[in-house]
Amino acid sequence: MRNRGFTLLEVLIAMVVLAISLSGIFTLLKSNIDTTGYTLKKIELIEAGGDIFYTLYTEPDIEPTPGLVKLKGYEGVEYKVTESSLGISYIKEYTLTLKKDEAEIVYNFYR
């Protein structure tokens, strides 16, 4: 009469193969979650940048900020405005830098 079942060695090999497969899947999932979080931060920075950019562009006089300033209405978002002269009459270059954690977006505009 033949035994109908799995040997202990077959079960152990199957568990090792399953563990290796699952660890690969979990690595891919973690990478995907990290990428999604970074992308969501970038999207929030783009939205905040649009708000600040509109405000700065419509103001008659733009004041540079001394450093990173917290942006109201956007949790964790900080911004900085710098000004540099182009040497062409009254035209200046303004740089708007937005940061949230490790994500950063930089806008340049001229007035």
Protein backbone atom coordinates (compact mmCIF):
# COMPACT_ATOMS: atom_id res chain seq x y z
CA MET A 1 0.00 0.00 0.00
CA ARG A 2 1.37 3.43 -0.97
CA ASN A 3 1.40 6.36 1.38
CA ARG A 4 -0.56 9.27 -0.04
CA GLY A 5 0.84 12.43 1.45
CA PHE A 6 3.74 14.80 1.46
CA THR A 7 7.02 14.08 3.12
CA LEU A 8 8.51 16.52 5.58
CA LEU A 9 11.20 17.47 3.07
CA GLU A 10 8.61 18.32 0.39
CA VAL A 11 6.70 20.51 2.84
CA LEU A 12 9.89 22.34 3.88
CA ILE A 13 10.90 22.98 0.26
CA ALA A 14 7.40 24.28 -0.53
CA MET A 15 7.56 26.62 2.49
CA VAL A 16 10.96 27.98 1.41
CA VAL A 17 9.69 28.64 -2.12
CA LEU A 18 6.58 30.33 -0.71
CA ALA A 19 8.64 32.47 1.68
CA ILE A 20 10.95 33.64 -1.11
CA SER A 21 7.98 34.48 -3.33
CA LEU A 22 6.16 36.41 -0.60
CA SER A 23 9.27 38.38 0.36
CA GLY A 24 9.60 39.51 -3.27
CA ILE A 25 5.95 40.56 -3.36
CA PHE A 26 6.26 42.47 -0.07
CA THR A 27 9.37 44.28 -1.37
CA LEU A 28 7.47 45.37 -4.47
CA LEU A 29 4.50 46.53 -2.38
CA LYS A 30 6.70 48.59 -0.06
CA SER A 31 8.43 50.22 -3.02
CA ASN A 32 5.04 51.03 -4.54
CA ILE A 33 3.76 52.53 -1.28
CA ASP A 34 6.88 54.70 -0.90
CA THR A 35 6.59 55.94 -4.50
CA THR A 36 2.90 56.72 -4.04
CA GLY A 37 3.61 58.72 -0.86
CA TYR A 38 6.33 60.74 -2.59
CA THR A 39 4.03 61.41 -5.55
CA LEU A 40 1.23 62.61 -3.26
CA LYS A 41 3.67 65.03 -1.58
CA LYS A 42 4.71 66.36 -5.00
CA ILE A 43 1.06 66.85 -5.98
CA GLU A 44 0.41 68.79 -2.77
CA LEU A 45 3.47 70.95 -3.48
CA ILE A 46 2.21 71.67 -7.00
CA GLU A 47 -1.18 72.76 -5.61
CA ALA A 48 0.47 74.95 -2.97
CA GLY A 49 2.86 76.34 -5.58
CA GLY A 50 -0.05 77.36 -7.77
CA ASP A 51 -1.64 79.24 -4.86
CA ILE A 52 1.56 81.03 -3.86
CA PHE A 53 2.59 81.68 -7.45
CA TYR A 54 -0.74 83.41 -8.17
CA THR A 55 -0.48 85.47 -4.98
CA LEU A 56 3.12 86.51 -5.68
CA TYR A 57 2.50 87.30 -9.31
CA THR A 58 -0.45 89.60 -8.55
CA GLU A 59 1.31 91.50 -5.74
CA PRO A 60 2.89 94.79 -6.83
CA ASP A 61 5.96 94.32 -4.60
CA ILE A 62 7.34 90.88 -3.83
CA GLU A 63 9.30 90.56 -0.60
CA PRO A 64 11.93 87.79 -0.46
CA THR A 65 11.64 85.52 2.57
CA PRO A 66 14.59 85.18 4.98
CA GLY A 67 14.31 81.39 4.98
CA LEU A 68 11.73 78.64 4.81
CA VAL A 69 8.31 79.86 5.93
CA LYS A 70 5.40 77.58 6.87
CA LEU A 71 2.51 77.86 4.44
CA LYS A 72 -0.91 78.27 6.02
CA GLY A 73 -3.53 75.83 4.79
CA TYR A 74 -1.00 73.17 3.77
CA GLU A 75 0.27 70.99 6.60
CA GLY A 76 4.03 70.50 6.55
CA VAL A 77 4.62 72.66 3.47
CA GLU A 78 7.31 75.34 3.68
CA TYR A 79 8.31 77.87 1.06
CA LYS A 80 11.06 80.35 0.32
CA VAL A 81 11.15 83.27 -2.13
CA THR A 82 14.48 84.61 -3.38
CA GLU A 83 15.12 87.54 -5.70
CA SER A 84 18.01 88.19 -8.06
CA SER A 85 18.67 90.99 -10.51
CA LEU A 86 19.25 90.14 -14.15
CA GLY A 87 21.05 93.39 -14.87
CA ILE A 88 18.39 94.35 -17.40
CA SER A 89 16.70 97.56 -16.24
CA TYR A 90 13.97 96.66 -13.77
CA ILE A 91 13.49 92.94 -14.58
CA LYS A 92 14.18 90.55 -11.68
CA GLU A 93 14.19 86.80 -11.38
CA TYR A 94 12.23 85.30 -8.50
CA THR A 95 12.67 81.73 -7.31
CA LEU A 96 9.91 80.05 -5.34
CA THR A 97 11.03 76.89 -3.53
CA LEU A 98 8.48 74.63 -1.86
CA LYS A 99 9.40 71.72 0.44
CA LYS A 100 7.54 68.99 2.25
CA ASP A 101 9.72 66.38 3.94
CA GLU A 102 12.12 65.19 1.21
CA ALA A 103 10.00 66.41 -1.72
CA GLU A 104 10.89 69.75 -3.30
CA ILE A 105 9.63 71.85 -6.23
CA VAL A 106 11.26 75.02 -7.59
CA TYR A 107 9.51 77.66 -9.71
CA ASN A 108 11.30 80.52 -11.49
CA PHE A 109 9.50 83.58 -12.81
CA TYR A 110 10.45 87.05 -13.96
CA ARG A 111 8.95 90.49 -13.30
